[in-house]
N, C-alpha and C. Protein backbone atom coordinates (compact mmCIF):
# COMPACT_ATOMS: atom_id res chain seq x y z
N ASP A 1 89.03 63.79 -38.33
CA ASP A 1 88.40 64.56 -37.28
C ASP A 1 86.97 64.07 -36.99
N SER A 2 86.20 63.82 -38.05
CA SER A 2 84.82 63.38 -37.85
C SER A 2 84.78 61.98 -37.23
N VAL A 3 85.77 61.14 -37.57
CA VAL A 3 85.84 59.78 -37.00
C VAL A 3 86.13 59.88 -35.50
N THR A 4 87.07 60.74 -35.14
CA THR A 4 87.42 60.93 -33.74
C THR A 4 86.22 61.47 -32.96
N ALA A 5 85.52 62.43 -33.54
CA ALA A 5 84.34 63.01 -32.88
C ALA A 5 83.26 61.95 -32.68
N GLU A 6 83.09 61.10 -33.71
CA GLU A 6 82.09 60.03 -33.63
C GLU A 6 82.46 59.02 -32.55
N ILE A 7 83.73 58.67 -32.46
CA ILE A 7 84.20 57.73 -31.43
C ILE A 7 84.00 58.32 -30.04
N LEU A 8 84.34 59.58 -29.88
CA LEU A 8 84.16 60.24 -28.57
C LEU A 8 82.69 60.33 -28.20
N GLN A 9 81.84 60.62 -29.18
CA GLN A 9 80.40 60.70 -28.93
C GLN A 9 79.85 59.34 -28.52
N GLU A 10 80.30 58.28 -29.20
CA GLU A 10 79.87 56.92 -28.87
C GLU A 10 80.33 56.54 -27.46
N LYS A 11 81.56 56.93 -27.10
CA LYS A 11 82.10 56.65 -25.76
C LYS A 11 81.26 57.36 -24.69
N LYS A 12 80.94 58.62 -24.93
CA LYS A 12 80.10 59.37 -23.98
C LYS A 12 78.71 58.75 -23.86
N HIS A 13 78.19 58.30 -24.98
CA HIS A 13 76.88 57.65 -25.01
C HIS A 13 76.89 56.40 -24.13
N ARG A 14 77.90 55.55 -24.30
CA ARG A 14 78.04 54.33 -23.49
C ARG A 14 78.19 54.68 -22.01
N GLU A 15 79.00 55.69 -21.72
CA GLU A 15 79.22 56.10 -20.34
C GLU A 15 77.91 56.58 -19.70
N ASN A 16 77.10 57.31 -20.45
CA ASN A 16 75.81 57.78 -19.94
C ASN A 16 74.86 56.62 -19.67
N ILE A 17 74.85 55.64 -20.55
CA ILE A 17 73.99 54.48 -20.35
C ILE A 17 74.39 53.74 -19.07
N VAL A 18 75.69 53.47 -18.91
CA VAL A 18 76.18 52.75 -17.73
C VAL A 18 75.93 53.57 -16.46
N ALA A 19 76.08 54.87 -16.55
CA ALA A 19 75.87 55.74 -15.38
C ALA A 19 74.42 55.72 -14.92
N CYS A 20 73.49 55.50 -15.83
CA CYS A 20 72.06 55.53 -15.50
C CYS A 20 71.51 54.20 -15.01
N LEU A 21 72.30 53.15 -15.08
CA LEU A 21 71.82 51.84 -14.65
C LEU A 21 71.61 51.81 -13.14
N SER A 22 70.61 51.03 -12.70
CA SER A 22 70.41 50.86 -11.26
C SER A 22 71.33 49.76 -10.72
N GLU A 23 71.86 48.92 -11.62
CA GLU A 23 72.81 47.89 -11.22
C GLU A 23 74.19 48.52 -11.12
N GLY A 24 74.96 48.04 -10.17
CA GLY A 24 76.34 48.47 -10.07
C GLY A 24 77.15 47.76 -11.14
N VAL A 25 77.99 48.51 -11.84
CA VAL A 25 78.84 47.93 -12.88
C VAL A 25 80.28 48.35 -12.60
N ILE A 26 81.14 47.33 -12.50
CA ILE A 26 82.56 47.57 -12.27
C ILE A 26 83.34 46.92 -13.41
N GLU A 27 84.25 47.69 -14.01
CA GLU A 27 85.12 47.13 -15.05
C GLU A 27 86.46 46.83 -14.42
N LEU A 28 86.96 45.62 -14.69
CA LEU A 28 88.23 45.16 -14.13
C LEU A 28 89.24 44.96 -15.24
N ASN A 29 90.52 45.18 -14.94
CA ASN A 29 91.54 44.81 -15.92
C ASN A 29 91.80 43.31 -15.81
N GLY A 30 92.73 42.80 -16.57
CA GLY A 30 93.00 41.37 -16.60
C GLY A 30 93.51 40.77 -15.30
N GLN A 31 93.93 41.62 -14.37
CA GLN A 31 94.42 41.13 -13.07
C GLN A 31 93.39 41.32 -11.95
N GLY A 32 92.22 41.83 -12.30
CA GLY A 32 91.17 42.01 -11.29
C GLY A 32 91.19 43.36 -10.61
N LYS A 33 91.92 44.33 -11.16
CA LYS A 33 91.93 45.69 -10.60
C LYS A 33 90.79 46.49 -11.21
N ILE A 34 90.19 47.34 -10.40
CA ILE A 34 89.08 48.18 -10.84
C ILE A 34 89.61 49.33 -11.70
N VAL A 35 89.09 49.43 -12.94
CA VAL A 35 89.49 50.52 -13.82
C VAL A 35 88.36 51.52 -14.04
N GLU A 36 87.11 51.05 -13.93
CA GLU A 36 85.95 51.95 -14.02
C GLU A 36 84.85 51.41 -13.13
N ILE A 37 84.02 52.34 -12.63
CA ILE A 37 82.93 51.96 -11.75
C ILE A 37 81.81 52.99 -11.91
N ASN A 38 80.56 52.52 -11.97
CA ASN A 38 79.46 53.49 -12.10
C ASN A 38 78.97 53.94 -10.73
N GLN A 39 78.11 54.96 -10.73
CA GLN A 39 77.62 55.54 -9.48
C GLN A 39 76.81 54.54 -8.66
N ALA A 40 76.04 53.69 -9.32
CA ALA A 40 75.24 52.70 -8.59
C ALA A 40 76.15 51.77 -7.79
N ALA A 41 77.26 51.32 -8.36
CA ALA A 41 78.20 50.45 -7.65
C ALA A 41 78.83 51.19 -6.48
N LEU A 42 79.18 52.45 -6.68
CA LEU A 42 79.76 53.25 -5.59
C LEU A 42 78.77 53.37 -4.44
N THR A 43 77.50 53.58 -4.76
CA THR A 43 76.47 53.70 -3.73
C THR A 43 76.29 52.38 -2.99
N ILE A 44 76.23 51.29 -3.72
CA ILE A 44 76.04 49.98 -3.11
C ILE A 44 77.23 49.63 -2.20
N LEU A 45 78.44 49.88 -2.69
CA LEU A 45 79.64 49.52 -1.93
C LEU A 45 80.01 50.55 -0.87
N GLU A 46 79.37 51.73 -0.94
CA GLU A 46 79.59 52.82 0.02
C GLU A 46 81.03 53.35 -0.03
N TYR A 47 81.48 53.63 -1.24
CA TYR A 47 82.81 54.21 -1.46
C TYR A 47 82.71 55.36 -2.44
N ARG A 48 83.80 56.16 -2.49
CA ARG A 48 83.94 57.18 -3.52
C ARG A 48 84.84 56.63 -4.62
N GLU A 49 84.72 57.17 -5.80
CA GLU A 49 85.45 56.65 -6.95
C GLU A 49 86.96 56.63 -6.72
N GLU A 50 87.50 57.70 -6.14
CA GLU A 50 88.96 57.76 -5.93
C GLU A 50 89.46 56.73 -4.92
N GLN A 51 88.55 56.18 -4.11
CA GLN A 51 88.94 55.16 -3.14
C GLN A 51 89.06 53.77 -3.77
N VAL A 52 88.40 53.54 -4.91
CA VAL A 52 88.34 52.19 -5.47
C VAL A 52 89.10 51.99 -6.78
N ILE A 53 89.27 53.05 -7.56
CA ILE A 53 89.99 52.91 -8.83
C ILE A 53 91.43 52.45 -8.54
N GLY A 54 91.83 51.37 -9.22
CA GLY A 54 93.17 50.82 -9.02
C GLY A 54 93.25 49.75 -7.94
N GLU A 55 92.17 49.59 -7.18
CA GLU A 55 92.14 48.56 -6.13
C GLU A 55 91.73 47.22 -6.73
N LEU A 56 92.18 46.15 -6.11
CA LEU A 56 91.76 44.81 -6.53
C LEU A 56 90.34 44.54 -6.03
N LEU A 57 89.53 43.92 -6.88
CA LEU A 57 88.16 43.59 -6.49
C LEU A 57 88.14 42.71 -5.24
N ILE A 58 89.10 41.84 -5.12
CA ILE A 58 89.15 40.89 -4.00
C ILE A 58 89.41 41.59 -2.66
N GLU A 59 89.87 42.84 -2.70
CA GLU A 59 90.14 43.57 -1.45
C GLU A 59 88.87 44.01 -0.73
N PHE A 60 87.75 43.97 -1.43
CA PHE A 60 86.49 44.29 -0.77
C PHE A 60 86.09 43.09 0.07
N GLU A 61 85.39 43.33 1.14
CA GLU A 61 85.05 42.26 2.07
C GLU A 61 83.79 41.53 1.61
N TRP A 62 83.99 40.49 0.80
CA TRP A 62 82.89 39.69 0.28
C TRP A 62 82.58 38.51 1.19
N LYS A 63 83.15 38.54 2.39
CA LYS A 63 82.97 37.50 3.42
C LYS A 63 83.27 36.11 2.89
N ASP A 64 82.33 35.20 2.98
CA ASP A 64 82.59 33.80 2.63
C ASP A 64 82.78 33.57 1.12
N LYS A 65 82.53 34.58 0.30
CA LYS A 65 82.67 34.44 -1.15
C LYS A 65 84.07 34.80 -1.65
N ASN A 66 84.92 35.35 -0.79
CA ASN A 66 86.27 35.76 -1.19
C ASN A 66 87.06 34.65 -1.89
N PRO A 67 87.09 33.41 -1.36
CA PRO A 67 87.87 32.37 -2.05
C PRO A 67 87.38 32.09 -3.47
N GLU A 68 86.06 32.07 -3.66
CA GLU A 68 85.50 31.80 -4.99
C GLU A 68 85.81 32.95 -5.96
N ILE A 69 85.73 34.18 -5.47
CA ILE A 69 86.01 35.34 -6.31
C ILE A 69 87.49 35.36 -6.68
N LYS A 70 88.36 35.09 -5.71
CA LYS A 70 89.80 35.04 -5.99
C LYS A 70 90.10 33.95 -7.01
N LYS A 71 89.50 32.80 -6.86
CA LYS A 71 89.71 31.69 -7.81
C LYS A 71 89.25 32.10 -9.21
N TRP A 72 88.08 32.79 -9.29
CA TRP A 72 87.58 33.24 -10.60
C TRP A 72 88.58 34.21 -11.24
N ILE A 73 89.10 35.16 -10.45
CA ILE A 73 90.08 36.12 -10.99
C ILE A 73 91.32 35.39 -11.50
N ASP A 74 91.84 34.46 -10.69
CA ASP A 74 93.06 33.75 -11.06
C ASP A 74 92.88 32.83 -12.28
N ILE A 75 91.78 32.08 -12.31
CA ILE A 75 91.60 31.07 -13.36
C ILE A 75 90.85 31.61 -14.58
N GLU A 76 89.73 32.27 -14.36
CA GLU A 76 88.88 32.67 -15.48
C GLU A 76 89.26 34.01 -16.10
N LEU A 77 89.74 34.95 -15.27
CA LEU A 77 90.09 36.27 -15.80
C LEU A 77 91.57 36.31 -16.18
N ALA A 78 92.45 36.26 -15.20
CA ALA A 78 93.90 36.32 -15.49
C ALA A 78 94.35 35.07 -16.24
N GLY A 79 93.77 33.92 -15.93
CA GLY A 79 94.16 32.67 -16.58
C GLY A 79 93.44 32.42 -17.89
N ARG A 80 92.55 33.35 -18.28
CA ARG A 80 91.82 33.29 -19.56
C ARG A 80 90.91 32.07 -19.71
N GLY A 81 90.36 31.62 -18.58
CA GLY A 81 89.39 30.53 -18.64
C GLY A 81 88.06 30.99 -19.22
N MET A 82 87.74 32.26 -19.00
CA MET A 82 86.60 32.94 -19.61
C MET A 82 85.21 32.49 -19.13
N LYS A 83 85.12 31.71 -18.05
CA LYS A 83 83.80 31.34 -17.54
C LYS A 83 83.31 32.42 -16.59
N SER A 84 81.99 32.52 -16.47
CA SER A 84 81.42 33.51 -15.56
C SER A 84 81.23 32.89 -14.17
N LEU A 85 81.01 33.75 -13.19
CA LEU A 85 80.72 33.33 -11.82
C LEU A 85 79.53 34.14 -11.35
N GLU A 86 78.51 33.45 -10.84
CA GLU A 86 77.29 34.15 -10.40
C GLU A 86 76.91 33.76 -8.98
N PHE A 87 76.55 34.76 -8.23
CA PHE A 87 75.96 34.57 -6.90
C PHE A 87 74.56 35.18 -6.99
N LYS A 88 73.55 34.32 -7.13
CA LYS A 88 72.18 34.78 -7.34
C LYS A 88 71.42 34.83 -6.02
N ASP A 89 70.09 35.05 -6.11
CA ASP A 89 69.22 35.20 -4.94
C ASP A 89 69.33 34.02 -3.97
N ASP A 90 69.51 32.80 -4.51
CA ASP A 90 69.55 31.63 -3.66
C ASP A 90 70.93 31.40 -3.02
N ASN A 91 71.93 32.18 -3.41
CA ASN A 91 73.28 32.09 -2.86
C ASN A 91 73.89 33.49 -2.87
N PRO A 92 73.27 34.43 -2.12
CA PRO A 92 73.70 35.83 -2.23
C PRO A 92 75.03 36.10 -1.53
N VAL A 93 75.56 37.29 -1.79
CA VAL A 93 76.77 37.78 -1.15
C VAL A 93 76.33 38.71 -0.02
N PHE A 94 76.87 38.48 1.16
CA PHE A 94 76.60 39.36 2.29
C PHE A 94 77.77 40.34 2.39
N TYR A 95 77.46 41.62 2.17
CA TYR A 95 78.48 42.66 2.15
C TYR A 95 78.04 43.75 3.12
N LYS A 96 78.84 43.94 4.16
CA LYS A 96 78.48 44.88 5.23
C LYS A 96 77.09 44.49 5.73
N ASP A 97 76.12 45.40 5.69
CA ASP A 97 74.75 45.08 6.15
C ASP A 97 73.82 44.85 4.96
N LYS A 98 74.40 44.55 3.80
CA LYS A 98 73.60 44.40 2.59
C LYS A 98 73.63 42.97 2.07
N VAL A 99 72.62 42.65 1.27
CA VAL A 99 72.55 41.36 0.59
C VAL A 99 72.60 41.67 -0.91
N LEU A 100 73.57 41.06 -1.60
CA LEU A 100 73.82 41.40 -3.00
C LEU A 100 73.81 40.16 -3.88
N THR A 101 73.47 40.37 -5.14
CA THR A 101 73.77 39.37 -6.16
C THR A 101 74.97 39.91 -6.92
N LEU A 102 75.80 39.00 -7.39
CA LEU A 102 77.03 39.38 -8.06
C LEU A 102 77.20 38.50 -9.30
N THR A 103 77.52 39.11 -10.42
CA THR A 103 77.83 38.38 -11.64
C THR A 103 79.19 38.86 -12.13
N LEU A 104 80.10 37.92 -12.31
CA LEU A 104 81.44 38.24 -12.78
C LEU A 104 81.62 37.63 -14.17
N LEU A 105 81.96 38.48 -15.13
CA LEU A 105 82.11 38.04 -16.52
C LEU A 105 83.52 38.36 -17.01
N ALA A 106 84.16 37.38 -17.63
CA ALA A 106 85.45 37.60 -18.29
C ALA A 106 85.17 37.84 -19.77
N ILE A 107 85.74 38.90 -20.30
CA ILE A 107 85.46 39.28 -21.69
C ILE A 107 86.77 39.44 -22.44
N TYR A 108 86.79 38.94 -23.66
CA TYR A 108 87.98 39.05 -24.49
C TYR A 108 87.65 39.87 -25.73
N SER A 109 88.34 40.97 -25.89
CA SER A 109 88.25 41.72 -27.15
C SER A 109 89.69 41.83 -27.65
N GLU A 110 90.28 43.02 -27.67
CA GLU A 110 91.71 43.10 -28.00
C GLU A 110 92.54 42.59 -26.83
N ASN A 111 92.01 42.75 -25.65
CA ASN A 111 92.65 42.23 -24.45
C ASN A 111 91.57 41.69 -23.50
N ILE A 112 92.00 41.08 -22.44
CA ILE A 112 91.07 40.49 -21.47
C ILE A 112 90.67 41.56 -20.45
N PHE A 113 89.38 41.62 -20.15
CA PHE A 113 88.93 42.46 -19.04
C PHE A 113 87.72 41.79 -18.41
N GLY A 114 87.35 42.25 -17.25
CA GLY A 114 86.22 41.67 -16.53
C GLY A 114 85.17 42.70 -16.22
N ILE A 115 83.95 42.21 -16.08
CA ILE A 115 82.83 43.05 -15.67
C ILE A 115 82.21 42.41 -14.45
N CYS A 116 81.95 43.22 -13.45
CA CYS A 116 81.26 42.76 -12.24
C CYS A 116 79.95 43.54 -12.15
N ILE A 117 78.84 42.82 -12.13
CA ILE A 117 77.52 43.44 -12.05
C ILE A 117 76.95 43.14 -10.67
N ILE A 118 76.54 44.19 -9.96
CA ILE A 118 76.08 44.06 -8.58
C ILE A 118 74.64 44.55 -8.48
N ASN A 119 73.80 43.78 -7.79
CA ASN A 119 72.43 44.19 -7.48
C ASN A 119 72.24 44.12 -5.98
N ASP A 120 71.68 45.17 -5.41
CA ASP A 120 71.36 45.18 -3.98
C ASP A 120 69.96 44.60 -3.81
N ILE A 121 69.87 43.41 -3.23
CA ILE A 121 68.57 42.76 -3.02
C ILE A 121 68.21 42.70 -1.54
N THR A 122 68.76 43.61 -0.75
CA THR A 122 68.54 43.60 0.69
C THR A 122 67.06 43.66 1.03
N ARG A 123 66.32 44.60 0.44
CA ARG A 123 64.89 44.74 0.76
C ARG A 123 64.10 43.50 0.36
N GLN A 124 64.40 42.94 -0.81
CA GLN A 124 63.74 41.73 -1.27
C GLN A 124 64.05 40.57 -0.33
N PHE A 125 65.30 40.45 0.07
CA PHE A 125 65.74 39.37 0.96
C PHE A 125 65.03 39.48 2.31
N GLU A 126 64.98 40.70 2.87
CA GLU A 126 64.30 40.90 4.16
C GLU A 126 62.81 40.65 4.04
N ALA A 127 62.21 41.02 2.91
CA ALA A 127 60.78 40.77 2.70
C ALA A 127 60.50 39.27 2.64
N GLU A 128 61.39 38.51 1.99
CA GLU A 128 61.22 37.06 1.92
C GLU A 128 61.32 36.43 3.31
N ILE A 129 62.25 36.90 4.12
CA ILE A 129 62.38 36.40 5.49
C ILE A 129 61.12 36.72 6.27
N HIS A 130 60.61 37.95 6.12
CA HIS A 130 59.38 38.36 6.80
C HIS A 130 58.20 37.49 6.36
N ASN A 131 58.10 37.23 5.05
CA ASN A 131 57.01 36.38 4.54
C ASN A 131 57.12 34.97 5.08
N LYS A 132 58.33 34.44 5.19
CA LYS A 132 58.51 33.10 5.75
C LYS A 132 58.06 33.05 7.20
N LYS A 133 58.38 34.11 7.96
CA LYS A 133 57.94 34.17 9.36
C LYS A 133 56.43 34.24 9.45
N LEU A 134 55.81 35.03 8.56
CA LEU A 134 54.35 35.13 8.55
C LEU A 134 53.73 33.78 8.21
N GLU A 135 54.25 33.11 7.20
CA GLU A 135 53.74 31.79 6.81
C GLU A 135 53.88 30.80 7.95
N SER A 136 55.01 30.85 8.65
CA SER A 136 55.23 29.97 9.79
C SER A 136 54.21 30.26 10.89
N SER A 137 53.95 31.53 11.14
CA SER A 137 52.97 31.92 12.16
C SER A 137 51.57 31.45 11.77
N ILE A 138 51.23 31.58 10.50
CA ILE A 138 49.92 31.13 10.02
C ILE A 138 49.79 29.62 10.18
N GLN A 139 50.83 28.88 9.84
CA GLN A 139 50.81 27.42 10.02
C GLN A 139 50.64 27.05 11.49
N GLN A 140 51.35 27.77 12.36
CA GLN A 140 51.24 27.52 13.80
C GLN A 140 49.82 27.81 14.28
N LEU A 141 49.23 28.89 13.78
CA LEU A 141 47.86 29.24 14.16
C LEU A 141 46.88 28.16 13.69
N LYS A 142 47.07 27.65 12.48
CA LYS A 142 46.19 26.59 11.97
C LYS A 142 46.33 25.32 12.81
N LYS A 143 47.55 24.99 13.21
CA LYS A 143 47.76 23.82 14.07
C LYS A 143 47.06 24.00 15.40
N MET A 144 47.18 25.18 15.98
CA MET A 144 46.54 25.45 17.28
C MET A 144 45.02 25.39 17.14
N GLU A 145 44.51 25.91 16.03
CA GLU A 145 43.07 25.87 15.78
C GLU A 145 42.58 24.43 15.66
N ALA A 146 43.35 23.60 14.95
CA ALA A 146 42.99 22.19 14.80
C ALA A 146 43.03 21.48 16.14
N MET A 147 44.06 21.78 16.94
CA MET A 147 44.17 21.16 18.27
C MET A 147 43.04 21.62 19.18
N SER A 148 42.66 22.89 19.04
CA SER A 148 41.55 23.42 19.84
C SER A 148 40.26 22.70 19.49
N GLY A 149 40.03 22.49 18.20
CA GLY A 149 38.84 21.75 17.76
C GLY A 149 38.86 20.32 18.27
N MET A 150 40.03 19.69 18.23
CA MET A 150 40.16 18.32 18.71
C MET A 150 39.93 18.25 20.22
N ALA A 151 40.50 19.21 20.95
CA ALA A 151 40.31 19.24 22.40
C ALA A 151 38.84 19.50 22.75
N GLY A 152 38.20 20.35 21.98
CA GLY A 152 36.77 20.62 22.20
C GLY A 152 35.94 19.36 21.96
N GLY A 153 36.27 18.62 20.91
CA GLY A 153 35.57 17.36 20.61
C GLY A 153 35.77 16.34 21.70
N MET A 154 37.02 16.24 22.21
CA MET A 154 37.30 15.30 23.30
C MET A 154 36.56 15.70 24.57
N ALA A 155 36.52 16.99 24.84
CA ALA A 155 35.80 17.47 26.03
C ALA A 155 34.32 17.17 25.89
N HIS A 156 33.77 17.33 24.69
CA HIS A 156 32.36 17.04 24.45
C HIS A 156 32.08 15.55 24.67
N ASP A 157 32.96 14.68 24.10
CA ASP A 157 32.80 13.23 24.30
C ASP A 157 32.92 12.86 25.77
N PHE A 158 33.89 13.46 26.47
CA PHE A 158 34.07 13.18 27.89
C PHE A 158 32.85 13.65 28.68
N ASN A 159 32.31 14.80 28.30
CA ASN A 159 31.12 15.33 28.96
C ASN A 159 29.93 14.39 28.75
N ASN A 160 29.79 13.82 27.55
CA ASN A 160 28.72 12.85 27.29
C ASN A 160 28.85 11.63 28.19
N LEU A 161 30.08 11.14 28.37
CA LEU A 161 30.31 9.98 29.25
C LEU A 161 29.96 10.32 30.68
N LEU A 162 30.38 11.53 31.12
CA LEU A 162 30.05 11.95 32.49
C LEU A 162 28.55 12.08 32.70
N THR A 163 27.86 12.53 31.68
CA THR A 163 26.39 12.68 31.76
C THR A 163 25.75 11.31 31.95
N VAL A 164 26.22 10.32 31.20
CA VAL A 164 25.68 8.95 31.31
C VAL A 164 25.96 8.40 32.70
N ILE A 165 27.21 8.60 33.18
CA ILE A 165 27.59 8.08 34.51
C ILE A 165 26.77 8.76 35.59
N CYS A 166 26.65 10.10 35.50
CA CYS A 166 25.87 10.83 36.52
C CYS A 166 24.40 10.43 36.45
N GLY A 167 23.89 10.19 35.26
CA GLY A 167 22.49 9.76 35.11
C GLY A 167 22.28 8.39 35.75
N ASN A 168 23.21 7.49 35.59
CA ASN A 168 23.11 6.16 36.19
C ASN A 168 23.25 6.23 37.70
N LEU A 169 24.09 7.13 38.19
CA LEU A 169 24.25 7.29 39.64
C LEU A 169 22.99 7.83 40.28
N ASP A 170 22.30 8.71 39.60
CA ASP A 170 21.08 9.29 40.14
C ASP A 170 20.02 8.20 40.18
């Protein structure tokens, strides 16, 4: 009885930790079906738990990443290749109107299962785009300032030549 209580307490403890994470965590069975999902993942994916449990991970619209995710499920998870697949900041996943990083891990204990970790980096991604636009605008402004200085110098030199010519004409 005490062993069972301890196991149940440990299970609840793990569930609480996963529930409190800001990263989305999805547990997959060996065929890529969703068996557990935390609240952060539900929020990121914009689904309710009853809509996703039992569904294949590949059924979500990962856009251009679908072939790579399907290949990972077939070879690394179901095929027991056990390698991970990561889509980081420099190669993000575009999901609906969001920008995500995705890490897929194949894990072997008594049986094979997978973990999918999702981070919503939409705000960071948009901020980087905004910063790039600002930097581009600053560079353009510096170029215009340099050209303005050069044009002013040329006008000054031309004015000096005109002064000499007008002085000689007088």
